[in-house]
Amino acid sequence: MFASTLTTALAFFFAIFIIVAIHEFGHYLAMRLIGVRVLTFSIGFGPRLAGWRDRSGTDFIISALPLGGYVKPLDRRDSEVDDSNRHEEFSGKPAWQRVVTYAAGPAANLLLAVLLYWLILLNGETGRIPVVAEPTPGTPAAQAGFRAGDEIIAIDGHETASWQRLGTVLIRFVGEARELRVSLKAADGSQRDVWLPAHAWAEDPEANPFETLGLIPQTPQAVVGELTPGGAAQRAGMLPGDRVLTANDVEVADWNQWVSIVQAHPEQPLTLRLERDSVVQRLTLVPDAVTVGGERIGRAGVGIAGVRQIHYGPVAAVPEAGRRLWQQSTMILSAIGKLFTGELSVKTLGGPLTIAKVAGDTAALGIVTFMLFLAFFSVSLGVINLLPVPMLDGGWIVFGLIEMIIGRELPEKFLMSAQQVGLVLVIGLMVLAVYNDILRFFV
């Protein structure tokens, strides 16, 4: 329990630090490039915990509340500015330079997401092929005509190469009470389209879409996929495509049972019956011993079959990373639109506790999954900050564009009033998100 809580806390603070630091560094760099003096660069709000001052006079600090950050420039709207320092003052810069500065923070987040996606794609993607089990009677999948062994190829034209990709595609349609066109490939290779009613998920968008729609992953058979070089399975003579029938005369029904048997026999011989090219063979496997979580278990060095692996080169990964940024951005904007139209309940908003839980869960699944979370978090912060809401970067960008069009500064009174409205809206949404967290985790 302690280790899990510690992992969640560390993953949350690391994610906040990286995403906020990148965002604020975008603002900071833009200000320095246009000749603005930066007084403070803060990760977090509230009392100062630690920091240092550089030679240019910028105070880099870490503050007590890790819920954001800020960059404070020299600005006549905040304090008196000597005539000798007017050239370093932010408000006195041309409107287009201020627009670029406000846009630089979100842009930094979007660029970080592209970099993370690019690194993930270079590493290669591995995911289980989305093959479904027999759907539970009465579920939307059963009503649509899904059958055991069907592979989900696409939903409304969006390719679904893995269960992970399928989940990402489904999120695009959250809150939509309509039928989704699903392209399926049956076990015999034939293809067909069915219409999946998503009304039940629209009524409860917080529910797991797979469970609500009746999309149950098929438990894979004990069929050997990729072998670890030099691993126990390779030393025993196992080959990709081998199907394990029995282990020590115990029938192996599926992959989960096969894993359990191997883990229970570290450095103990297992007599296996295999089916290879329709011929039954026998061999002996001695699983290697490894220690996981203080427990000594067996490991065969066998990857699961039914897994799709996709590899990208450094050049090919660039447009694919950009495509994923576009998909995530449009998905977030679509969800925001549905919140305002009522298609998506405000109960789906999550606060810091929700972010912390997701950070901890993804960190526990490995570095690649955590990087995917960081990329999505970074895109979310970038896109949300570009919304034309006073107090957000997007609001200031709009004001700057208006100044460029009319050729003069907007009245200070108008800017103050708009800022107050934006502050109320932002704080209201934050309070609602925290309230939802309390209901989720404590009620």
Protein backbone atom coordinates (compact mmCIF):
# COMPACT_ATOMS: atom_id res chain seq x y z
CA MET A 1 0.00 0.00 0.00
CA PHE A 2 2.82 2.39 0.97
CA ALA A 3 4.79 1.59 -2.19
CA SER A 4 1.70 2.19 -4.32
CA THR A 5 0.95 5.51 -2.61
CA LEU A 6 4.58 6.58 -2.90
CA THR A 7 4.65 5.69 -6.61
CA THR A 8 1.46 7.69 -7.19
CA ALA A 9 2.81 10.73 -5.33
CA LEU A 10 6.17 10.66 -7.09
CA ALA A 11 4.59 10.16 -10.52
CA PHE A 12 2.12 13.01 -9.91
CA PHE A 13 4.74 15.52 -8.75
CA PHE A 14 7.11 14.54 -11.55
CA ALA A 15 4.35 14.96 -14.16
CA ILE A 16 3.28 18.34 -12.76
CA PHE A 17 6.88 19.54 -12.59
CA ILE A 18 7.74 18.54 -16.18
CA ILE A 19 4.52 19.73 -17.85
CA VAL A 20 4.34 23.04 -15.95
CA ALA A 21 8.07 23.73 -16.31
CA ILE A 22 7.90 23.24 -20.08
CA HIS A 23 4.83 25.50 -20.34
CA GLU A 24 6.36 28.30 -18.30
CA PHE A 25 9.72 27.94 -20.05
CA GLY A 26 7.92 28.67 -23.33
CA HIS A 27 6.70 31.97 -21.89
CA TYR A 28 10.09 32.69 -20.30
CA LEU A 29 12.05 32.07 -23.50
CA ALA A 30 9.70 34.24 -25.57
CA MET A 31 10.00 37.08 -23.05
CA ARG A 32 13.78 36.92 -23.07
CA LEU A 33 13.85 36.88 -26.88
CA ILE A 34 11.81 40.10 -27.11
CA GLY A 35 13.92 41.81 -24.45
CA VAL A 36 11.59 41.61 -21.43
CA ARG A 37 13.09 41.34 -17.96
CA VAL A 38 11.70 38.29 -16.12
CA LEU A 39 11.40 38.79 -12.37
CA THR A 40 10.10 35.37 -11.28
CA PHE A 41 9.84 31.88 -12.77
CA SER A 42 7.76 29.70 -10.43
CA ILE A 43 6.73 26.06 -10.47
CA GLY A 44 3.69 26.03 -8.19
CA PHE A 45 1.86 28.75 -6.29
CA GLY A 46 2.00 30.07 -2.75
CA PRO A 47 4.95 30.20 -0.34
CA ARG A 48 8.46 29.72 -1.73
CA LEU A 49 10.07 26.38 -0.85
CA ALA A 50 13.37 26.63 -2.71
CA GLY A 51 15.05 28.44 -5.56
CA TRP A 52 17.92 30.52 -6.89
CA ARG A 53 18.50 33.81 -8.66
CA ASP A 54 20.44 33.91 -11.93
CA ARG A 55 22.77 36.65 -13.20
CA SER A 56 19.94 38.40 -15.09
CA GLY A 57 17.99 38.80 -11.85
CA THR A 58 15.32 36.15 -12.49
CA ASP A 59 14.22 34.33 -9.33
CA PHE A 60 13.65 30.64 -10.18
CA ILE A 61 11.54 29.10 -7.43
CA ILE A 62 9.54 26.03 -6.45
CA SER A 63 6.40 26.98 -4.52
CA ALA A 64 4.25 25.06 -2.07
CA LEU A 65 1.11 24.35 -4.14
CA PRO A 66 1.98 22.13 -7.16
CA LEU A 67 -1.10 23.08 -9.16
CA GLY A 68 0.47 25.19 -11.90
CA GLY A 69 3.08 27.88 -12.26
CA TYR A 70 3.74 31.38 -13.54
CA VAL A 71 6.32 33.69 -15.08
CA LYS A 72 6.25 37.26 -13.76
CA PRO A 73 7.76 39.91 -16.07
CA LEU A 74 8.61 43.52 -15.37
CA ASP A 75 5.24 45.19 -16.02
CA ARG A 76 3.90 48.68 -15.30
CA ARG A 77 0.48 47.17 -14.55
CA ASP A 78 1.96 45.48 -11.47
CA SER A 79 4.39 48.12 -10.20
CA GLU A 80 6.13 51.36 -11.07
CA VAL A 81 8.77 51.05 -13.79
CA ASP A 82 11.66 53.52 -14.04
CA ASP A 83 12.12 55.29 -17.36
CA SER A 84 15.53 53.64 -17.67
CA ASN A 85 13.85 50.20 -17.63
CA ARG A 86 10.91 50.94 -19.92
CA HIS A 87 12.53 49.00 -22.78
CA GLU A 88 12.43 45.83 -20.62
CA GLU A 89 8.77 46.21 -19.62
CA PHE A 90 6.22 43.71 -20.97
CA SER A 91 3.13 45.91 -21.45
CA GLY A 92 5.12 48.36 -23.55
CA LYS A 93 6.02 45.74 -26.15
CA PRO A 94 4.12 45.66 -29.48
CA ALA A 95 0.89 43.66 -29.42
CA TRP A 96 2.22 41.02 -31.81
CA GLN A 97 5.16 40.31 -29.51
CA ARG A 98 2.84 39.89 -26.54
CA VAL A 99 0.63 37.54 -28.59
CA VAL A 100 3.68 35.42 -29.44
CA THR A 101 4.68 35.36 -25.77
CA TYR A 102 1.25 34.18 -24.62
CA ALA A 103 1.17 31.52 -27.36
CA ALA A 104 4.67 30.25 -26.52
CA GLY A 105 3.57 28.41 -23.35
CA PRO A 106 0.89 26.23 -25.00
CA ALA A 107 3.16 25.79 -28.03
CA ALA A 108 5.89 24.39 -25.76
CA ASN A 109 3.42 21.85 -24.36
CA LEU A 110 2.35 20.76 -27.84
CA LEU A 111 5.98 20.42 -28.96
CA LEU A 112 6.75 18.33 -25.86
CA ALA A 113 3.86 16.02 -26.75
CA VAL A 114 5.18 15.61 -30.31
CA LEU A 115 8.63 14.78 -28.91
CA LEU A 116 7.18 12.19 -26.51
CA TYR A 117 5.08 10.58 -29.25
CA TRP A 118 8.15 10.53 -31.52
CA LEU A 119 10.26 8.77 -28.86
CA ILE A 120 7.48 6.24 -28.21
CA LEU A 121 7.14 5.51 -31.93
CA LEU A 122 10.92 5.08 -32.31
CA ASN A 123 10.81 2.49 -29.53
CA GLY A 124 8.05 0.66 -31.41
CA GLU A 125 4.48 0.00 -30.39
CA THR A 126 3.24 -3.31 -29.08
CA GLY A 127 -0.42 -3.95 -28.42
CA ARG A 128 -2.85 -6.84 -28.20
CA ILE A 129 -5.00 -7.25 -31.29
CA PRO A 130 -8.60 -6.28 -30.38
CA VAL A 131 -10.27 -9.68 -30.66
CA VAL A 132 -13.50 -10.02 -28.66
CA ALA A 133 -14.97 -12.89 -26.67
CA GLU A 134 -18.61 -13.92 -26.92
CA PRO A 135 -20.53 -10.82 -25.75
CA THR A 136 -22.85 -11.05 -22.77
CA PRO A 137 -26.48 -11.37 -23.90
CA GLY A 138 -28.33 -8.06 -23.86
CA THR A 139 -25.25 -5.86 -24.17
CA PRO A 140 -24.90 -3.45 -27.11
CA ALA A 141 -22.22 -5.70 -28.63
CA ALA A 142 -24.56 -8.70 -28.54
CA GLN A 143 -27.37 -6.64 -30.07
CA ALA A 144 -25.03 -5.50 -32.85
CA GLY A 145 -24.11 -9.07 -33.77
CA PHE A 146 -20.57 -9.40 -32.44
CA ARG A 147 -19.29 -12.98 -32.31
CA ALA A 148 -16.44 -14.62 -30.41
CA GLY A 149 -13.20 -14.26 -32.35
CA ASP A 150 -14.21 -11.07 -34.19
CA GLU A 151 -11.37 -8.58 -34.59
CA ILE A 152 -12.35 -4.90 -34.44
CA ILE A 153 -10.64 -3.28 -37.43
CA ALA A 154 -12.11 0.23 -37.29
CA ILE A 155 -14.83 2.38 -35.71
CA ASP A 156 -16.46 5.00 -37.93
CA GLY A 157 -13.44 4.76 -40.22
CA HIS A 158 -10.85 5.20 -37.43
CA GLU A 159 -8.35 2.33 -37.47
CA THR A 160 -8.10 0.26 -34.28
CA ALA A 161 -4.89 -1.75 -34.43
CA SER A 162 -4.84 -2.60 -30.70
CA TRP A 163 -7.04 -2.54 -27.62
CA GLN A 164 -5.23 0.62 -26.51
CA ARG A 165 -5.92 2.30 -29.84
CA LEU A 166 -9.54 1.12 -29.66
CA GLY A 167 -9.95 2.84 -26.30
CA THR A 168 -8.52 6.07 -27.69
CA VAL A 169 -10.92 5.97 -30.64
CA LEU A 170 -13.94 5.27 -28.42
CA ILE A 171 -13.19 8.33 -26.28
CA ARG A 172 -13.80 10.47 -29.37
CA PHE A 173 -17.46 9.46 -29.22
CA VAL A 174 -18.03 9.84 -25.47
CA GLY A 175 -21.44 11.32 -24.71
CA GLU A 176 -22.82 10.69 -28.21
CA ALA A 177 -26.12 8.81 -28.10
CA ARG A 178 -25.90 7.20 -31.52
CA GLU A 179 -24.86 4.05 -33.34
CA LEU A 180 -21.21 3.54 -34.26
CA ARG A 181 -20.23 1.76 -37.47
CA VAL A 182 -17.79 -0.99 -36.52
CA SER A 183 -15.74 -2.89 -39.11
CA LEU A 184 -15.07 -6.48 -38.05
CA LYS A 185 -12.91 -9.35 -39.31
CA ALA A 186 -14.18 -12.80 -38.34
CA ALA A 187 -11.95 -15.73 -37.39
CA ASP A 188 -12.33 -17.13 -40.94
CA GLY A 189 -11.02 -13.86 -42.43
CA SER A 190 -14.34 -12.55 -43.74
CA GLN A 191 -15.17 -8.90 -43.06
CA ARG A 192 -18.44 -7.15 -42.26
CA ASP A 193 -19.77 -3.92 -40.76
CA VAL A 194 -22.15 -3.80 -37.79
CA TRP A 195 -23.84 -0.91 -36.00
CA LEU A 196 -23.01 -0.65 -32.30
CA PRO A 197 -25.56 1.32 -30.20
CA ALA A 198 -23.64 3.61 -27.83
CA HIS A 199 -26.67 5.03 -26.01
CA ALA A 200 -25.89 3.23 -22.73
CA TRP A 201 -22.41 4.75 -22.60
CA ALA A 202 -23.80 8.20 -23.41
CA GLU A 203 -26.00 7.95 -20.32
CA ASP A 204 -23.00 7.07 -18.11
CA PRO A 205 -19.83 8.41 -19.80
CA GLU A 206 -17.72 7.77 -16.68
CA ALA A 207 -18.25 4.03 -17.04
CA ASN A 208 -15.70 1.74 -18.66
CA PRO A 209 -16.69 1.82 -22.36
CA PHE A 210 -15.59 -1.77 -22.96
CA GLU A 211 -17.77 -3.11 -20.14
CA THR A 212 -20.74 -0.86 -20.93
CA LEU A 213 -20.72 -1.74 -24.62
CA GLY A 214 -20.01 -5.43 -24.00
CA LEU A 215 -16.61 -5.48 -25.72
CA ILE A 216 -14.83 -8.21 -23.77
CA PRO A 217 -11.26 -9.10 -24.80
CA GLN A 218 -10.92 -12.73 -25.77
CA THR A 219 -8.60 -14.62 -23.43
CA PRO A 220 -5.76 -15.69 -25.72
CA GLN A 221 -4.75 -19.30 -26.14
CA ALA A 222 -1.38 -20.47 -24.87
CA VAL A 223 0.32 -19.84 -28.21
CA VAL A 224 3.97 -18.81 -28.25
CA GLY A 225 4.78 -15.42 -29.71
CA GLU A 226 8.19 -13.76 -29.61
CA LEU A 227 10.96 -15.57 -27.71
CA THR A 228 13.49 -13.86 -25.47
CA PRO A 229 16.97 -14.60 -26.88
CA GLY A 230 18.73 -17.01 -24.54
CA GLY A 231 15.60 -17.41 -22.41
CA ALA A 232 14.33 -20.67 -20.94
CA ALA A 233 11.81 -21.28 -23.75
CA GLN A 234 14.39 -20.79 -26.49
CA ARG A 235 16.87 -23.08 -24.70
CA ALA A 236 14.14 -25.74 -24.44
CA GLY A 237 13.53 -25.61 -28.19
CA MET A 238 10.16 -23.83 -28.26
CA LEU A 239 9.28 -21.90 -31.43
CA PRO A 240 6.89 -19.04 -32.25
CA GLY A 241 3.49 -20.50 -33.11
CA ASP A 242 3.76 -23.46 -30.72
CA ARG A 243 0.53 -24.07 -28.83
CA VAL A 244 0.95 -25.44 -25.29
CA LEU A 245 -1.51 -28.30 -24.71
CA THR A 246 -0.40 -29.64 -21.31
CA ALA A 247 2.24 -28.93 -18.66
CA ASN A 248 3.13 -31.83 -16.34
CA ASP A 249 -0.03 -33.56 -17.64
CA VAL A 250 -2.22 -30.58 -16.62
CA GLU A 251 -4.33 -29.27 -19.51
CA VAL A 252 -3.50 -25.65 -20.36
CA ALA A 253 -6.75 -23.89 -21.31
CA ASP A 254 -5.45 -20.42 -22.07
CA TRP A 255 -2.55 -18.00 -21.75
CA ASN A 256 -3.41 -16.93 -18.20
CA GLN A 257 -3.22 -20.52 -16.95
CA TRP A 258 0.07 -21.03 -18.81
CA VAL A 259 1.59 -17.98 -17.09
CA SER A 260 0.38 -19.18 -13.67
CA ILE A 261 1.95 -22.61 -14.18
CA VAL A 262 5.30 -21.17 -15.29
CA GLN A 263 5.40 -18.70 -12.40
CA ALA A 264 4.72 -21.51 -9.91
CA HIS A 265 7.73 -23.55 -11.12
CA PRO A 266 10.95 -21.47 -10.90
CA GLU A 267 13.91 -23.67 -11.90
CA GLN A 268 11.63 -26.73 -11.81
CA PRO A 269 11.22 -28.92 -14.94
CA LEU A 270 7.91 -28.80 -16.80
CA THR A 271 7.10 -31.57 -19.25
CA LEU A 272 5.18 -29.95 -22.10
CA ARG A 273 2.98 -31.28 -24.86
CA LEU A 274 2.97 -28.84 -27.78
CA GLU A 275 1.10 -28.60 -31.05
CA ARG A 276 3.47 -27.47 -33.82
CA ASP A 277 2.26 -27.43 -37.44
CA SER A 278 -0.58 -29.85 -36.48
CA VAL A 279 1.94 -32.30 -34.97
CA VAL A 280 2.06 -32.97 -31.21
CA GLN A 281 5.55 -32.82 -29.72
CA ARG A 282 7.06 -33.16 -26.24
CA LEU A 283 9.85 -31.22 -24.60
CA THR A 284 11.04 -30.15 -21.16
CA LEU A 285 11.10 -26.52 -20.05
CA VAL A 286 12.94 -25.32 -16.95
CA PRO A 287 11.72 -21.76 -16.21
CA ASP A 288 14.29 -19.23 -15.07
CA ALA A 289 13.89 -17.90 -11.53
CA VAL A 290 13.31 -14.17 -11.01
CA THR A 291 12.29 -12.16 -7.96
CA VAL A 292 9.31 -9.81 -8.37
CA GLY A 293 7.97 -7.87 -5.39
CA GLY A 294 9.97 -10.05 -3.02
CA GLU A 295 8.49 -13.26 -4.46
CA ARG A 296 10.51 -15.85 -6.38
CA ILE A 297 8.66 -16.86 -9.56
CA GLY A 298 9.37 -18.66 -12.82
CA ARG A 299 9.83 -16.97 -16.19
CA ALA A 300 9.89 -18.71 -19.56
CA GLY A 301 10.93 -15.80 -21.77
CA VAL A 302 7.90 -16.17 -24.04
CA GLY A 303 5.84 -13.35 -25.54
CA ILE A 304 2.13 -13.72 -26.11
CA ALA A 305 0.86 -14.40 -29.62
CA GLY A 306 -1.89 -12.19 -31.01
CA VAL A 307 0.21 -9.08 -30.41
CA ARG A 308 0.73 -6.49 -33.11
CA GLN A 309 4.11 -4.76 -33.28
CA ILE A 310 4.63 -1.57 -35.29
CA HIS A 311 8.03 0.06 -35.76
CA TYR A 312 8.80 3.53 -37.14
CA GLY A 313 12.06 5.03 -38.35
CA PRO A 314 13.21 8.49 -37.19
CA VAL A 315 11.73 10.20 -40.28
CA ALA A 316 8.47 8.22 -40.53
CA ALA A 317 7.81 8.81 -36.82
CA VAL A 318 7.63 12.61 -37.26
CA PRO A 319 4.38 12.86 -39.28
CA GLU A 320 2.85 10.06 -37.21
CA ALA A 321 3.65 11.97 -34.01
CA GLY A 322 2.06 15.07 -35.55
CA ARG A 323 -1.01 13.06 -36.50
CA ARG A 324 -1.42 11.85 -32.93
CA LEU A 325 -1.07 15.39 -31.62
CA TRP A 326 -3.86 16.47 -33.98
CA GLN A 327 -6.09 13.55 -32.93
CA GLN A 328 -5.62 14.23 -29.22
CA SER A 329 -6.19 17.97 -29.69
CA THR A 330 -9.42 17.53 -31.65
CA MET A 331 -10.62 14.92 -29.16
CA ILE A 332 -10.06 17.33 -26.25
CA LEU A 333 -11.81 20.18 -28.07
CA SER A 334 -14.71 17.86 -28.89
CA ALA A 335 -15.04 16.86 -25.23
CA ILE A 336 -15.00 20.52 -24.14
CA GLY A 337 -17.73 21.29 -26.67
CA LYS A 338 -19.83 18.41 -25.36
CA LEU A 339 -19.49 19.75 -21.81
CA PHE A 340 -21.03 23.04 -22.91
CA THR A 341 -23.82 21.41 -24.95
CA GLY A 342 -24.68 18.99 -22.16
CA GLU A 343 -23.78 15.87 -24.17
CA LEU A 344 -21.05 15.20 -21.61
CA SER A 345 -21.72 15.47 -17.88
CA VAL A 346 -19.62 17.87 -15.80
CA LYS A 347 -19.18 14.89 -13.47
CA THR A 348 -16.52 13.65 -15.89
CA LEU A 349 -14.23 16.56 -14.95
CA GLY A 350 -11.28 15.39 -12.89
CA GLY A 351 -9.11 17.32 -10.46
CA PRO A 352 -5.67 16.78 -8.94
CA LEU A 353 -6.62 13.48 -7.29
CA THR A 354 -7.79 12.04 -10.61
CA ILE A 355 -4.59 13.22 -12.29
CA ALA A 356 -2.53 11.71 -9.47
CA LYS A 357 -4.30 8.36 -9.76
CA VAL A 358 -3.79 8.18 -13.53
CA ALA A 359 -0.15 9.21 -13.11
CA GLY A 360 0.41 6.45 -10.57
CA ASP A 361 -1.45 3.81 -12.57
CA THR A 362 0.44 4.56 -15.78
CA ALA A 363 3.81 4.75 -14.01
CA ALA A 364 3.17 1.29 -12.56
CA LEU A 365 2.61 -0.06 -16.08
CA GLY A 366 6.03 1.07 -17.32
CA ILE A 367 7.91 3.99 -18.82
CA VAL A 368 6.19 3.88 -22.23
CA THR A 369 2.69 4.01 -20.73
CA PHE A 370 3.76 6.84 -18.42
CA MET A 371 5.20 8.73 -21.41
CA LEU A 372 1.83 8.37 -23.17
CA PHE A 373 0.17 9.88 -20.09
CA LEU A 374 2.68 12.76 -20.06
CA ALA A 375 2.01 13.41 -23.75
CA PHE A 376 -1.76 13.48 -23.23
CA PHE A 377 -1.40 15.67 -20.13
CA SER A 378 0.83 18.08 -22.05
CA VAL A 379 -1.60 18.27 -24.99
CA SER A 380 -4.48 18.88 -22.58
CA LEU A 381 -2.69 21.76 -20.85
CA GLY A 382 -1.68 23.27 -24.17
CA VAL A 383 -5.12 23.06 -25.77
CA ILE A 384 -7.03 24.24 -22.70
CA ASN A 385 -4.72 27.24 -22.29
CA LEU A 386 -5.44 28.28 -25.88
CA LEU A 387 -9.17 28.60 -25.19
CA PRO A 388 -10.32 32.25 -25.57
CA VAL A 389 -11.07 32.65 -21.87
CA PRO A 390 -9.74 35.63 -19.87
CA MET A 391 -7.05 34.51 -17.39
CA LEU A 392 -5.93 31.81 -19.83
CA ASP A 393 -3.30 32.38 -22.50
CA GLY A 394 -5.97 32.16 -25.19
CA GLY A 395 -7.87 35.09 -23.68
CA TRP A 396 -4.78 37.30 -23.71
CA ILE A 397 -4.03 36.22 -27.28
CA VAL A 398 -7.51 37.39 -28.33
CA PHE A 399 -7.03 40.74 -26.58
CA GLY A 400 -3.67 41.16 -28.31
CA LEU A 401 -5.18 40.38 -31.71
CA ILE A 402 -7.93 42.94 -31.08
CA GLU A 403 -5.27 45.55 -30.27
CA MET A 404 -3.47 44.72 -33.51
CA ILE A 405 -6.72 45.22 -35.47
CA ILE A 406 -7.88 48.47 -33.83
CA GLY A 407 -4.37 49.90 -33.51
CA ARG A 408 -4.55 50.88 -29.83
CA GLU A 409 -4.46 49.35 -26.35
CA LEU A 410 -7.69 48.10 -24.80
CA PRO A 411 -8.92 50.09 -21.77
CA GLU A 412 -7.36 48.99 -18.50
CA LYS A 413 -10.80 48.89 -16.86
CA PHE A 414 -12.10 46.49 -19.52
CA LEU A 415 -9.08 44.20 -19.10
CA MET A 416 -9.51 44.14 -15.32
CA SER A 417 -13.22 43.30 -15.60
CA ALA A 418 -12.53 40.55 -18.15
CA GLN A 419 -9.82 39.15 -15.92
CA GLN A 420 -12.21 39.01 -12.97
CA VAL A 421 -14.81 37.15 -15.05
CA GLY A 422 -12.16 34.70 -16.22
CA LEU A 423 -10.91 34.21 -12.68
CA VAL A 424 -14.40 33.33 -11.44
CA LEU A 425 -14.87 30.87 -14.31
CA VAL A 426 -11.49 29.17 -13.83
CA ILE A 427 -11.86 28.93 -10.04
CA GLY A 428 -15.40 27.61 -10.47
CA LEU A 429 -14.21 24.83 -12.76
CA MET A 430 -11.37 23.99 -10.38
CA VAL A 431 -13.77 23.77 -7.43
CA LEU A 432 -16.10 21.54 -9.47
CA ALA A 433 -13.20 19.28 -10.45
CA VAL A 434 -12.06 18.95 -6.82
CA TYR A 435 -15.67 18.27 -5.75
CA ASN A 436 -15.86 15.48 -8.34
CA ASP A 437 -12.61 14.06 -6.97
CA ILE A 438 -14.07 14.00 -3.46
CA LEU A 439 -17.18 12.16 -4.69
CA ARG A 440 -15.02 9.71 -6.68
CA PHE A 441 -12.55 8.77 -3.98
CA PHE A 442 -14.18 9.48 -0.61
CA VAL A 443 -17.96 9.09 -0.96
